[in-house]
Amino acid sequence: MTKAIDQTDGTPPVTSAERGRTSRAKLLAAAVELIPEVGWNAVTTRLVAARAEVRPGLVHYHFDSLEALLRAAVDAALAEVVDGPLSAMTAAADPVEGLTAALGAMDAYSGDDPASVLFAEAYLAATRDPELRTTMSRILLDVRAAVAARLAGHGTPQPEAVAELLCAFLDGVVLHRALIPVPGPEAYAEPLRRLLAAPDREEEAR
């Protein structure tokens, strides 16, 4: 039975399940903040608990291990970050316009902002953590499949291979921003148009 705690201010009582969900969300948010601040390997149970303002024991109550917490934090954060560019890409009628929109949606990521550093740390950690690699691979493969399906519908030749190139390109743009100046989305429009050009059906029939 879920136990409710009466509130002294007259608000509805808070159940233990609700408190548990709140604590779990706080732990995930704390991990997302700490990974880029101190580095993947420097995050500890006590650091996460202190940032979340919960007891250290709650880390292992809600997650099998600190590593499981970090994986869950990256899973949620990565899914949220890729959703914006992917939605912008698939919403446009023309794939070049979609990619330009996706690049625009990624303008918030400078390469050295917390989200960019979070994923750089996670990419490196995934080379040593098979479970994290599986988690991240699943999300990235889903994105690649969605892009490939969009390109196939447009008639782009070899859509799976082109989708792989485009996903690597988008990742690379953000990584390069941390080190060197990168042009705006409009600079890539013509090269992308040539890459994504669908064959002329009348020309193919001749």
N, C-alpha and C. Protein backbone atom coordinates (compact mmCIF):
# COMPACT_ATOMS: atom_id res chain seq x y z
N MET A 1 0.85 -1.20 0.00
CA MET A 1 0.00 0.00 0.00
C MET A 1 0.89 1.25 0.00
N THR A 2 0.53 2.23 -0.80
CA THR A 2 1.29 3.48 -0.85
C THR A 2 0.84 4.39 0.27
N LYS A 3 1.78 4.79 1.10
CA LYS A 3 1.46 5.60 2.26
C LYS A 3 1.48 7.08 1.90
N ALA A 4 0.47 7.83 2.35
CA ALA A 4 0.40 9.26 2.10
C ALA A 4 0.83 10.02 3.34
N ILE A 5 1.51 11.14 3.13
CA ILE A 5 1.94 12.00 4.23
C ILE A 5 1.10 13.27 4.20
N ASP A 6 0.44 13.54 5.30
CA ASP A 6 -0.43 14.73 5.38
C ASP A 6 0.41 15.99 5.33
N GLN A 7 -0.12 17.01 4.62
CA GLN A 7 0.56 18.30 4.52
C GLN A 7 -0.06 19.28 5.52
N THR A 8 0.79 20.08 6.15
CA THR A 8 0.31 21.03 7.15
C THR A 8 -0.29 22.28 6.51
N ASP A 9 -0.02 22.49 5.20
CA ASP A 9 -0.52 23.70 4.55
C ASP A 9 -1.85 23.49 3.85
N GLY A 10 -2.45 22.33 4.04
CA GLY A 10 -3.76 22.09 3.46
C GLY A 10 -3.73 21.50 2.06
N THR A 11 -2.53 21.34 1.45
CA THR A 11 -2.43 20.74 0.13
C THR A 11 -2.67 19.25 0.23
N PRO A 12 -3.02 18.59 -0.89
CA PRO A 12 -3.28 17.15 -0.85
C PRO A 12 -2.06 16.39 -0.33
N PRO A 13 -2.26 15.29 0.37
CA PRO A 13 -1.14 14.51 0.90
C PRO A 13 -0.25 13.96 -0.21
N VAL A 14 1.03 13.86 0.09
CA VAL A 14 2.02 13.34 -0.86
C VAL A 14 2.25 11.87 -0.56
N THR A 15 2.10 11.02 -1.56
CA THR A 15 2.31 9.59 -1.35
C THR A 15 3.80 9.26 -1.43
N SER A 16 4.16 8.11 -0.87
CA SER A 16 5.55 7.68 -0.93
C SER A 16 5.99 7.43 -2.36
N ALA A 17 5.06 7.00 -3.21
CA ALA A 17 5.39 6.78 -4.63
C ALA A 17 5.74 8.10 -5.31
N GLU A 18 4.97 9.14 -4.99
CA GLU A 18 5.24 10.46 -5.56
C GLU A 18 6.58 11.00 -5.07
N ARG A 19 6.86 10.81 -3.78
CA ARG A 19 8.15 11.25 -3.26
C ARG A 19 9.29 10.48 -3.91
N GLY A 20 9.05 9.20 -4.17
CA GLY A 20 10.07 8.40 -4.83
C GLY A 20 10.36 8.88 -6.24
N ARG A 21 9.28 9.22 -6.98
CA ARG A 21 9.47 9.72 -8.34
C ARG A 21 10.22 11.06 -8.32
N THR A 22 9.90 11.90 -7.33
CA THR A 22 10.58 13.19 -7.22
C THR A 22 12.07 13.00 -6.92
N SER A 23 12.37 12.10 -6.00
CA SER A 23 13.77 11.84 -5.66
C SER A 23 14.53 11.29 -6.84
N ARG A 24 13.92 10.38 -7.57
CA ARG A 24 14.58 9.80 -8.75
C ARG A 24 14.85 10.89 -9.79
N ALA A 25 13.87 11.75 -10.03
CA ALA A 25 14.06 12.83 -11.01
C ALA A 25 15.18 13.78 -10.58
N LYS A 26 15.24 14.06 -9.28
CA LYS A 26 16.31 14.93 -8.77
C LYS A 26 17.68 14.30 -8.97
N LEU A 27 17.78 13.01 -8.75
CA LEU A 27 19.06 12.31 -8.93
C LEU A 27 19.49 12.33 -10.39
N LEU A 28 18.56 12.10 -11.30
CA LEU A 28 18.88 12.13 -12.72
C LEU A 28 19.34 13.53 -13.14
N ALA A 29 18.62 14.56 -12.68
CA ALA A 29 18.99 15.93 -13.02
C ALA A 29 20.36 16.28 -12.46
N ALA A 30 20.64 15.82 -11.24
CA ALA A 30 21.94 16.09 -10.62
C ALA A 30 23.06 15.43 -11.41
N ALA A 31 22.85 14.20 -11.86
CA ALA A 31 23.87 13.51 -12.65
C ALA A 31 24.14 14.23 -13.96
N VAL A 32 23.08 14.70 -14.61
CA VAL A 32 23.23 15.43 -15.87
C VAL A 32 24.05 16.70 -15.65
N GLU A 33 23.89 17.35 -14.53
CA GLU A 33 24.66 18.56 -14.23
C GLU A 33 26.12 18.24 -13.90
N LEU A 34 26.33 17.18 -13.14
CA LEU A 34 27.66 16.89 -12.62
C LEU A 34 28.61 16.30 -13.65
N ILE A 35 28.10 15.48 -14.56
CA ILE A 35 29.00 14.83 -15.53
C ILE A 35 29.83 15.85 -16.29
N PRO A 36 29.24 16.90 -16.89
CA PRO A 36 30.07 17.88 -17.58
C PRO A 36 30.88 18.77 -16.64
N GLU A 37 30.44 18.92 -15.40
CA GLU A 37 31.17 19.78 -14.46
C GLU A 37 32.45 19.15 -13.97
N VAL A 38 32.39 17.88 -13.57
CA VAL A 38 33.55 17.26 -12.92
C VAL A 38 34.14 16.10 -13.73
N GLY A 39 33.44 15.65 -14.76
CA GLY A 39 33.91 14.51 -15.55
C GLY A 39 33.26 13.22 -15.10
N TRP A 40 33.06 12.32 -16.04
CA TRP A 40 32.33 11.07 -15.79
C TRP A 40 32.89 10.32 -14.59
N ASN A 41 34.22 10.10 -14.56
CA ASN A 41 34.82 9.26 -13.53
C ASN A 41 34.90 9.94 -12.17
N ALA A 42 34.67 11.26 -12.11
CA ALA A 42 34.75 11.96 -10.83
C ALA A 42 33.40 12.10 -10.15
N VAL A 43 32.35 11.70 -10.82
CA VAL A 43 31.01 11.75 -10.20
C VAL A 43 30.93 10.64 -9.15
N THR A 44 30.51 10.98 -7.95
CA THR A 44 30.37 10.01 -6.87
C THR A 44 28.94 10.02 -6.35
N THR A 45 28.64 8.98 -5.59
CA THR A 45 27.31 8.89 -4.98
C THR A 45 27.04 10.09 -4.08
N ARG A 46 28.03 10.48 -3.29
CA ARG A 46 27.84 11.60 -2.37
C ARG A 46 27.65 12.92 -3.12
N LEU A 47 28.41 13.10 -4.21
CA LEU A 47 28.24 14.32 -5.00
C LEU A 47 26.84 14.42 -5.58
N VAL A 48 26.36 13.31 -6.15
CA VAL A 48 25.03 13.31 -6.75
C VAL A 48 23.96 13.56 -5.69
N ALA A 49 24.09 12.89 -4.56
CA ALA A 49 23.10 13.05 -3.50
C ALA A 49 23.09 14.48 -2.98
N ALA A 50 24.29 15.06 -2.80
CA ALA A 50 24.36 16.43 -2.31
C ALA A 50 23.72 17.40 -3.30
N ARG A 51 24.00 17.22 -4.60
CA ARG A 51 23.42 18.12 -5.60
C ARG A 51 21.90 17.95 -5.66
N ALA A 52 21.43 16.72 -5.52
CA ALA A 52 19.98 16.44 -5.56
C ALA A 52 19.29 16.78 -4.25
N GLU A 53 20.10 17.01 -3.20
CA GLU A 53 19.56 17.31 -1.87
C GLU A 53 18.72 16.16 -1.33
N VAL A 54 19.29 14.95 -1.47
CA VAL A 54 18.66 13.75 -0.92
C VAL A 54 19.72 12.96 -0.16
N ARG A 55 19.30 11.95 0.57
CA ARG A 55 20.24 11.10 1.31
C ARG A 55 21.03 10.24 0.32
N PRO A 56 22.33 10.02 0.58
CA PRO A 56 23.14 9.19 -0.32
C PRO A 56 22.56 7.80 -0.55
N GLY A 57 21.90 7.25 0.48
CA GLY A 57 21.34 5.91 0.34
C GLY A 57 20.26 5.81 -0.73
N LEU A 58 19.65 6.94 -1.09
CA LEU A 58 18.60 6.92 -2.10
C LEU A 58 19.14 6.64 -3.49
N VAL A 59 20.43 6.90 -3.71
CA VAL A 59 21.02 6.59 -5.02
C VAL A 59 20.88 5.10 -5.29
N HIS A 60 21.25 4.28 -4.30
CA HIS A 60 21.20 2.83 -4.48
C HIS A 60 19.80 2.26 -4.23
N TYR A 61 18.93 3.06 -3.66
CA TYR A 61 17.54 2.64 -3.54
C TYR A 61 16.85 2.70 -4.90
N HIS A 62 17.13 3.75 -5.66
CA HIS A 62 16.46 3.95 -6.94
C HIS A 62 17.21 3.33 -8.12
N PHE A 63 18.51 3.09 -7.96
CA PHE A 63 19.33 2.56 -9.06
C PHE A 63 20.22 1.44 -8.54
N ASP A 64 20.50 0.48 -9.39
CA ASP A 64 21.32 -0.66 -8.98
C ASP A 64 22.73 -0.24 -8.59
N SER A 65 23.21 0.84 -9.19
CA SER A 65 24.57 1.31 -8.92
C SER A 65 24.68 2.75 -9.38
N LEU A 66 25.79 3.39 -9.03
CA LEU A 66 26.04 4.74 -9.53
C LEU A 66 26.13 4.73 -11.05
N GLU A 67 26.77 3.69 -11.60
CA GLU A 67 26.90 3.59 -13.06
C GLU A 67 25.53 3.49 -13.72
N ALA A 68 24.61 2.77 -13.09
CA ALA A 68 23.26 2.65 -13.64
C ALA A 68 22.56 4.02 -13.65
N LEU A 69 22.79 4.81 -12.61
CA LEU A 69 22.23 6.16 -12.56
C LEU A 69 22.80 7.01 -13.69
N LEU A 70 24.11 6.96 -13.91
CA LEU A 70 24.72 7.76 -14.96
C LEU A 70 24.21 7.34 -16.34
N ARG A 71 24.06 6.04 -16.54
CA ARG A 71 23.52 5.57 -17.83
C ARG A 71 22.11 6.09 -18.04
N ALA A 72 21.28 6.00 -17.01
CA ALA A 72 19.89 6.46 -17.14
C ALA A 72 19.84 7.96 -17.41
N ALA A 73 20.75 8.71 -16.78
CA ALA A 73 20.78 10.15 -16.99
C ALA A 73 21.14 10.48 -18.43
N VAL A 74 22.13 9.79 -18.98
CA VAL A 74 22.53 10.02 -20.37
C VAL A 74 21.43 9.59 -21.32
N ASP A 75 20.79 8.47 -21.03
CA ASP A 75 19.70 7.98 -21.88
C ASP A 75 18.62 9.04 -22.02
N ALA A 76 18.17 9.60 -20.90
CA ALA A 76 17.10 10.60 -20.94
C ALA A 76 17.57 11.88 -21.61
N ALA A 77 18.79 12.32 -21.29
CA ALA A 77 19.29 13.58 -21.84
C ALA A 77 19.54 13.47 -23.34
N LEU A 78 20.12 12.37 -23.78
CA LEU A 78 20.41 12.20 -25.21
C LEU A 78 19.13 12.13 -26.02
N ALA A 79 18.14 11.40 -25.51
CA ALA A 79 16.86 11.30 -26.23
C ALA A 79 16.22 12.67 -26.37
N GLU A 80 16.32 13.49 -25.33
CA GLU A 80 15.72 14.83 -25.37
C GLU A 80 16.46 15.73 -26.35
N VAL A 81 17.80 15.65 -26.36
CA VAL A 81 18.59 16.53 -27.23
C VAL A 81 18.39 16.20 -28.70
N VAL A 82 18.36 14.92 -29.06
CA VAL A 82 18.23 14.56 -30.48
C VAL A 82 16.82 14.78 -30.99
N ASP A 83 15.85 14.87 -30.09
CA ASP A 83 14.47 15.03 -30.55
C ASP A 83 14.25 16.33 -31.30
N GLY A 84 14.87 17.43 -30.84
CA GLY A 84 14.68 18.72 -31.49
C GLY A 84 15.16 18.75 -32.93
N PRO A 85 16.45 18.45 -33.17
CA PRO A 85 16.95 18.42 -34.55
C PRO A 85 16.23 17.40 -35.43
N LEU A 86 15.92 16.23 -34.86
CA LEU A 86 15.25 15.20 -35.67
C LEU A 86 13.85 15.66 -36.06
N SER A 87 13.13 16.26 -35.14
CA SER A 87 11.79 16.76 -35.46
C SER A 87 11.86 17.84 -36.52
N ALA A 88 12.85 18.74 -36.41
CA ALA A 88 13.01 19.81 -37.41
C ALA A 88 13.33 19.22 -38.77
N MET A 89 14.14 18.18 -38.79
CA MET A 89 14.55 17.57 -40.04
C MET A 89 13.40 16.87 -40.75
N THR A 90 12.63 16.13 -39.99
CA THR A 90 11.56 15.33 -40.60
C THR A 90 10.30 16.13 -40.89
N ALA A 91 10.18 17.32 -40.28
CA ALA A 91 8.98 18.13 -40.50
C ALA A 91 9.03 18.88 -41.82
N ALA A 92 10.22 19.16 -42.33
CA ALA A 92 10.36 19.94 -43.57
C ALA A 92 10.01 19.09 -44.79
N ALA A 93 9.43 19.72 -45.79
CA ALA A 93 9.06 19.00 -47.01
C ALA A 93 10.28 18.58 -47.81
N ASP A 94 11.30 19.42 -47.79
CA ASP A 94 12.52 19.15 -48.55
C ASP A 94 13.62 18.73 -47.58
N PRO A 95 14.36 17.65 -47.86
CA PRO A 95 15.37 17.17 -46.91
C PRO A 95 16.50 18.16 -46.67
N VAL A 96 16.85 18.97 -47.67
CA VAL A 96 17.90 19.98 -47.46
C VAL A 96 17.40 21.04 -46.48
N GLU A 97 16.17 21.48 -46.68
CA GLU A 97 15.57 22.42 -45.73
C GLU A 97 15.51 21.80 -44.34
N GLY A 98 15.21 20.50 -44.29
CA GLY A 98 15.14 19.81 -43.01
C GLY A 98 16.48 19.78 -42.31
N LEU A 99 17.54 19.50 -43.06
CA LEU A 99 18.87 19.47 -42.46
C LEU A 99 19.32 20.86 -42.03
N THR A 100 18.99 21.87 -42.83
CA THR A 100 19.31 23.23 -42.43
C THR A 100 18.58 23.60 -41.15
N ALA A 101 17.32 23.18 -41.05
CA ALA A 101 16.54 23.42 -39.83
C ALA A 101 17.14 22.67 -38.65
N ALA A 102 17.62 21.44 -38.90
CA ALA A 102 18.24 20.66 -37.83
C ALA A 102 19.51 21.35 -37.33
N LEU A 103 20.30 21.87 -38.26
CA LEU A 103 21.51 22.61 -37.86
C LEU A 103 21.14 23.84 -37.05
N GLY A 104 20.07 24.51 -37.46
CA GLY A 104 19.61 25.67 -36.70
C GLY A 104 19.19 25.28 -35.30
N ALA A 105 18.54 24.12 -35.18
CA ALA A 105 18.10 23.65 -33.86
C ALA A 105 19.28 23.30 -32.97
N MET A 106 20.42 23.04 -33.60
CA MET A 106 21.62 22.67 -32.85
C MET A 106 22.49 23.87 -32.52
N ASP A 107 22.05 25.08 -32.88
CA ASP A 107 22.83 26.29 -32.59
C ASP A 107 23.06 26.49 -31.09
N ALA A 108 22.19 25.92 -30.28
CA ALA A 108 22.34 26.08 -28.82
C ALA A 108 23.54 25.33 -28.29
N TYR A 109 24.09 24.41 -29.10
CA TYR A 109 25.20 23.59 -28.64
C TYR A 109 26.50 24.12 -29.24
N SER A 110 27.30 24.73 -28.38
CA SER A 110 28.53 25.38 -28.84
C SER A 110 29.73 24.45 -28.86
N GLY A 111 29.55 23.24 -28.39
CA GLY A 111 30.67 22.30 -28.30
C GLY A 111 31.30 22.28 -26.93
N ASP A 112 31.25 23.41 -26.21
CA ASP A 112 31.77 23.44 -24.85
C ASP A 112 30.68 23.78 -23.83
N ASP A 113 29.42 23.76 -24.25
CA ASP A 113 28.32 23.96 -23.32
C ASP A 113 28.09 22.67 -22.54
N PRO A 114 27.36 22.71 -21.43
CA PRO A 114 27.18 21.51 -20.61
C PRO A 114 26.65 20.29 -21.36
N ALA A 115 25.66 20.48 -22.22
CA ALA A 115 25.10 19.33 -22.94
C ALA A 115 26.13 18.70 -23.87
N SER A 116 26.88 19.53 -24.59
CA SER A 116 27.90 19.00 -25.50
C SER A 116 28.98 18.24 -24.73
N VAL A 117 29.42 18.81 -23.61
CA VAL A 117 30.45 18.15 -22.80
C VAL A 117 29.90 16.86 -22.20
N LEU A 118 28.64 16.88 -21.80
CA LEU A 118 28.01 15.67 -21.27
C LEU A 118 28.12 14.52 -22.25
N PHE A 119 27.81 14.79 -23.52
CA PHE A 119 27.83 13.71 -24.49
C PHE A 119 29.24 13.33 -24.92
N ALA A 120 30.16 14.28 -24.90
CA ALA A 120 31.56 13.93 -25.15
C ALA A 120 32.07 12.98 -24.06
N GLU A 121 31.72 13.28 -22.82
CA GLU A 121 32.09 12.40 -21.70
C GLU A 121 31.43 11.03 -21.86
N ALA A 122 30.16 11.04 -22.25
CA ALA A 122 29.43 9.78 -22.38
C ALA A 122 29.97 8.93 -23.53
N TYR A 123 30.33 9.57 -24.65
CA TYR A 123 30.91 8.83 -25.77
C TYR A 123 32.17 8.11 -25.32
N LEU A 124 33.02 8.83 -24.59
CA LEU A 124 34.28 8.22 -24.12
C LEU A 124 34.00 7.10 -23.12
N ALA A 125 33.07 7.35 -22.19
CA ALA A 125 32.74 6.32 -21.20
C ALA A 125 32.15 5.08 -21.86
N ALA A 126 31.43 5.27 -22.96
CA ALA A 126 30.80 4.14 -23.65
C ALA A 126 31.82 3.18 -24.25
N THR A 127 33.04 3.65 -24.49
CA THR A 127 34.07 2.75 -25.03
C THR A 127 34.52 1.75 -23.98
N ARG A 128 34.21 2.03 -22.70
CA ARG A 128 34.63 1.15 -21.61
C ARG A 128 33.45 0.48 -20.90
N ASP A 129 32.24 0.91 -21.24
CA ASP A 129 31.04 0.42 -20.56
C ASP A 129 30.08 -0.15 -21.59
N PRO A 130 30.03 -1.48 -21.74
CA PRO A 130 29.18 -2.10 -22.76
C PRO A 130 27.70 -1.73 -22.61
N GLU A 131 27.21 -1.61 -21.38
CA GLU A 131 25.80 -1.27 -21.19
C GLU A 131 25.50 0.15 -21.64
N LEU A 132 26.40 1.06 -21.35
CA LEU A 132 26.22 2.44 -21.81
C LEU A 132 26.30 2.50 -23.33
N ARG A 133 27.22 1.74 -23.90
CA ARG A 133 27.34 1.70 -25.36
C ARG A 133 26.05 1.21 -25.99
N THR A 134 25.44 0.20 -25.39
CA THR A 134 24.18 -0.32 -25.90
C THR A 134 23.08 0.72 -25.82
N THR A 135 23.03 1.44 -24.70
CA THR A 135 22.02 2.48 -24.51
C THR A 135 22.15 3.57 -25.55
N MET A 136 23.38 4.08 -25.73
CA MET A 136 23.59 5.17 -26.67
C MET A 136 23.42 4.71 -28.11
N SER A 137 23.87 3.50 -28.40
CA SER A 137 23.75 2.97 -29.76
C SER A 137 22.30 2.86 -30.17
N ARG A 138 21.46 2.42 -29.24
CA ARG A 138 20.03 2.27 -29.56
C ARG A 138 19.43 3.60 -30.00
N ILE A 139 19.72 4.66 -29.26
CA ILE A 139 19.16 5.97 -29.58
C ILE A 139 19.70 6.46 -30.92
N LEU A 140 21.00 6.35 -31.12
CA LEU A 140 21.60 6.86 -32.35
C LEU A 140 21.15 6.05 -33.57
N LEU A 141 20.99 4.74 -33.41
CA LEU A 141 20.51 3.93 -34.53
C LEU A 141 19.06 4.26 -34.86
N ASP A 142 18.26 4.57 -33.85
CA ASP A 142 16.88 4.99 -34.11
C ASP A 142 16.85 6.29 -34.90
N VAL A 143 17.73 7.23 -34.53
CA VAL A 143 17.81 8.50 -35.25
C VAL A 143 18.23 8.25 -36.69
N ARG A 144 19.26 7.44 -36.87
CA ARG A 144 19.74 7.15 -38.22
C ARG A 144 18.65 6.50 -39.07
N ALA A 145 17.90 5.58 -38.46
CA ALA A 145 16.83 4.91 -39.21
C ALA A 145 15.75 5.90 -39.62
N ALA A 146 15.41 6.84 -38.73
CA ALA A 146 14.40 7.85 -39.05
C ALA A 146 14.87 8.75 -40.19
N VAL A 147 16.15 9.13 -40.16
CA VAL A 147 16.69 9.96 -41.24
C VAL A 147 16.70 9.17 -42.55
N ALA A 148 17.11 7.91 -42.51
CA ALA A 148 17.15 7.08 -43.71
C ALA A 148 15.76 6.92 -44.32
N ALA A 149 14.76 6.73 -43.47
CA ALA A 149 13.39 6.59 -43.97
C ALA A 149 12.93 7.87 -44.64
N ARG A 150 13.30 9.00 -44.06
CA ARG A 150 12.93 10.30 -44.66
C ARG A 150 13.60 10.47 -46.02
N LEU A 151 14.87 10.10 -46.12
CA LEU A 151 15.60 10.22 -47.39
C LEU A 151 15.07 9.25 -48.44
N ALA A 152 14.72 8.04 -48.01
CA ALA A 152 14.18 7.06 -48.94
C ALA A 152 12.87 7.56 -49.54
N GLY A 153 12.05 8.19 -48.71
CA GLY A 153 10.79 8.74 -49.21
C GLY A 153 11.01 9.86 -50.21
N HIS A 154 12.13 10.56 -50.09
CA HIS A 154 12.45 11.64 -51.01
C HIS A 154 13.09 11.11 -52.30
N GLY A 155 13.57 9.87 -52.26
CA GLY A 155 14.22 9.29 -53.44
C GLY A 155 15.72 9.43 -53.45
N THR A 156 16.34 9.79 -52.33
CA THR A 156 17.79 9.90 -52.27
C THR A 156 18.42 8.53 -52.45
N PRO A 157 19.38 8.38 -53.36
CA PRO A 157 20.04 7.08 -53.53
C PRO A 157 20.79 6.68 -52.26
N GLN A 158 20.84 5.38 -52.01
CA GLN A 158 21.55 4.82 -50.85
C GLN A 158 21.22 5.58 -49.56
N PRO A 159 19.96 5.63 -49.20
CA PRO A 159 19.55 6.46 -48.05
C PRO A 159 20.20 6.05 -46.74
N GLU A 160 20.45 4.75 -46.53
CA GLU A 160 21.06 4.32 -45.26
C GLU A 160 22.48 4.86 -45.14
N ALA A 161 23.25 4.77 -46.23
CA ALA A 161 24.62 5.27 -46.20
C ALA A 161 24.65 6.78 -46.04
N VAL A 162 23.76 7.47 -46.74
CA VAL A 162 23.71 8.94 -46.65
C VAL A 162 23.27 9.35 -45.24
N ALA A 163 22.34 8.62 -44.64
CA ALA A 163 21.90 8.93 -43.28
C ALA A 163 23.06 8.80 -42.30
N GLU A 164 23.89 7.78 -42.50
CA GLU A 164 25.05 7.61 -41.63
C GLU A 164 26.01 8.80 -41.76
N LEU A 165 26.23 9.24 -43.00
CA LEU A 165 27.09 10.40 -43.23
C LEU A 165 26.52 11.66 -42.57
N LEU A 166 25.22 11.85 -42.72
CA LEU A 166 24.60 13.06 -42.18
C LEU A 166 24.64 13.09 -40.65
N CYS A 167 24.40 11.95 -40.03
CA CYS A 167 24.44 11.91 -38.57
C CYS A 167 25.85 12.18 -38.06
N ALA A 168 26.84 11.62 -38.74
CA ALA A 168 28.23 11.89 -38.36
C ALA A 168 28.58 13.36 -38.60
N PHE A 169 28.04 13.92 -39.67
CA PHE A 169 28.26 15.33 -39.98
C PHE A 169 27.70 16.23 -38.88
N LEU A 170 26.47 15.95 -38.45
CA LEU A 170 25.85 16.77 -37.40
C LEU A 170 26.62 16.67 -36.09
N ASP A 171 27.06 15.46 -35.74
CA ASP A 171 27.88 15.29 -34.55
C ASP A 171 29.17 16.08 -34.68
N GLY A 172 29.79 15.97 -35.84
CA GLY A 172 31.07 16.62 -36.06
C GLY A 172 31.00 18.13 -35.98
N VAL A 173 29.91 18.71 -36.47
CA VAL A 173 29.75 20.16 -36.42
C VAL A 173 29.82 20.64 -34.97
N VAL A 174 29.11 19.94 -34.09
CA VAL A 174 29.09 20.34 -32.68
C VAL A 174 30.46 20.15 -32.05
N LEU A 175 31.12 19.04 -32.33
CA LEU A 175 32.44 18.79 -31.76
C LEU A 175 33.45 19.83 -32.23
N HIS A 176 33.39 20.21 -33.50
CA HIS A 176 34.33 21.19 -34.03
C HIS A 176 34.10 22.58 -33.44
N ARG A 177 32.86 22.88 -33.09
CA ARG A 177 32.56 24.20 -32.54
C ARG A 177 33.36 24.49 -31.27
N ALA A 178 33.71 23.44 -30.54
CA ALA A 178 34.46 23.63 -29.30
C ALA A 178 35.90 24.06 -29.58
N LEU A 179 36.37 23.86 -30.84
CA LEU A 179 37.78 24.09 -31.13
C LEU A 179 38.02 25.16 -32.19
N ILE A 180 37.16 25.22 -33.19
CA ILE A 180 37.39 26.14 -34.31
C ILE A 180 36.08 26.78 -34.74
N PRO A 181 36.13 27.93 -35.42
CA PRO A 181 34.90 28.53 -35.94
C PRO A 181 34.24 27.62 -36.97
N VAL A 182 32.93 27.52 -36.89
CA VAL A 182 32.15 26.69 -37.82
C VAL A 182 31.11 27.58 -38.48
N PRO A 183 30.96 27.51 -39.80
CA PRO A 183 29.98 28.37 -40.48
C PRO A 183 28.55 28.04 -40.09
N GLY A 184 27.66 28.97 -40.38
CA GLY A 184 26.25 28.78 -40.08
C GLY A 184 25.60 27.77 -41.02
N PRO A 185 24.36 27.39 -40.73
CA PRO A 185 23.67 26.35 -41.51
C PRO A 185 23.60 26.66 -43.00
N GLU A 186 23.43 27.94 -43.38
CA GLU A 186 23.27 28.28 -44.79
C GLU A 186 24.51 27.93 -45.62
N ALA A 187 25.68 27.87 -44.99
CA ALA A 187 26.91 27.57 -45.72
C ALA A 187 26.92 26.14 -46.26
N TYR A 188 26.12 25.27 -45.65
CA TYR A 188 26.11 23.87 -46.04
C TYR A 188 24.99 23.53 -47.03
N ALA A 189 24.13 24.49 -47.31
CA ALA A 189 22.92 24.19 -48.08
C ALA A 189 23.23 23.59 -49.44
N GLU A 190 24.14 24.20 -50.21
CA GLU A 190 24.41 23.70 -51.56
C GLU A 190 25.12 22.35 -51.55
N PRO A 191 26.17 22.14 -50.73
CA PRO A 191 26.76 20.80 -50.67
C PRO A 191 25.75 19.73 -50.26
N LEU A 192 24.89 20.07 -49.30
CA LEU A 192 23.87 19.11 -48.88
C LEU A 192 22.87 18.84 -50.00
N ARG A 193 22.54 19.86 -50.75
CA ARG A 193 21.60 19.68 -51.86
C ARG A 193 22.17 18.70 -52.88
N ARG A 194 23.46 18.82 -53.17
CA ARG A 194 24.08 17.89 -54.13
C ARG A 194 24.12 16.47 -53.57
N LEU A 195 24.40 16.36 -52.27
CA LEU A 195 24.47 15.03 -51.65
C LEU A 195 23.11 14.35 -51.63
N LEU A 196 22.06 15.13 -51.40
CA LEU A 196 20.73 14.56 -51.22
C LEU A 196 19.89 14.55 -52.48
N ALA A 197 20.44 15.03 -53.57
CA ALA A 197 19.65 15.15 -54.80
C ALA A 197 19.06 13.81 -55.21
N ALA A 198 17.75 13.84 -55.39
CA ALA A 198 17.08 12.65 -55.91
C ALA A 198 17.29 12.58 -57.41
N PRO A 199 17.46 11.41 -57.99
CA PRO A 199 17.66 11.30 -59.43
C PRO A 199 16.41 11.74 -60.20
N ASP A 200 16.65 12.29 -61.35
CA ASP A 200 15.55 12.69 -62.23
C ASP A 200 14.93 11.43 -62.84
N ARG A 201 13.69 11.16 -62.52
CA ARG A 201 13.05 9.92 -62.99
C ARG A 201 12.97 9.86 -64.52
N GLU A 202 12.76 11.00 -65.16
CA GLU A 202 12.67 11.00 -66.64
C GLU A 202 14.04 10.68 -67.23
N GLU A 203 15.10 11.23 -66.61
CA GLU A 203 16.44 10.95 -67.12
C GLU A 203 16.77 9.47 -66.93
N GLU A 204 16.36 8.89 -65.78
CA GLU A 204 16.65 7.49 -65.53
C GLU A 204 15.94 6.60 -66.54
N ALA A 205 14.75 7.01 -66.98
CA ALA A 205 13.96 6.17 -67.90
C ALA A 205 14.52 6.19 -69.32
N ARG A 206 15.31 7.17 -69.64
CA ARG A 206 15.84 7.28 -71.01
C ARG A 206 16.96 6.27 -71.26
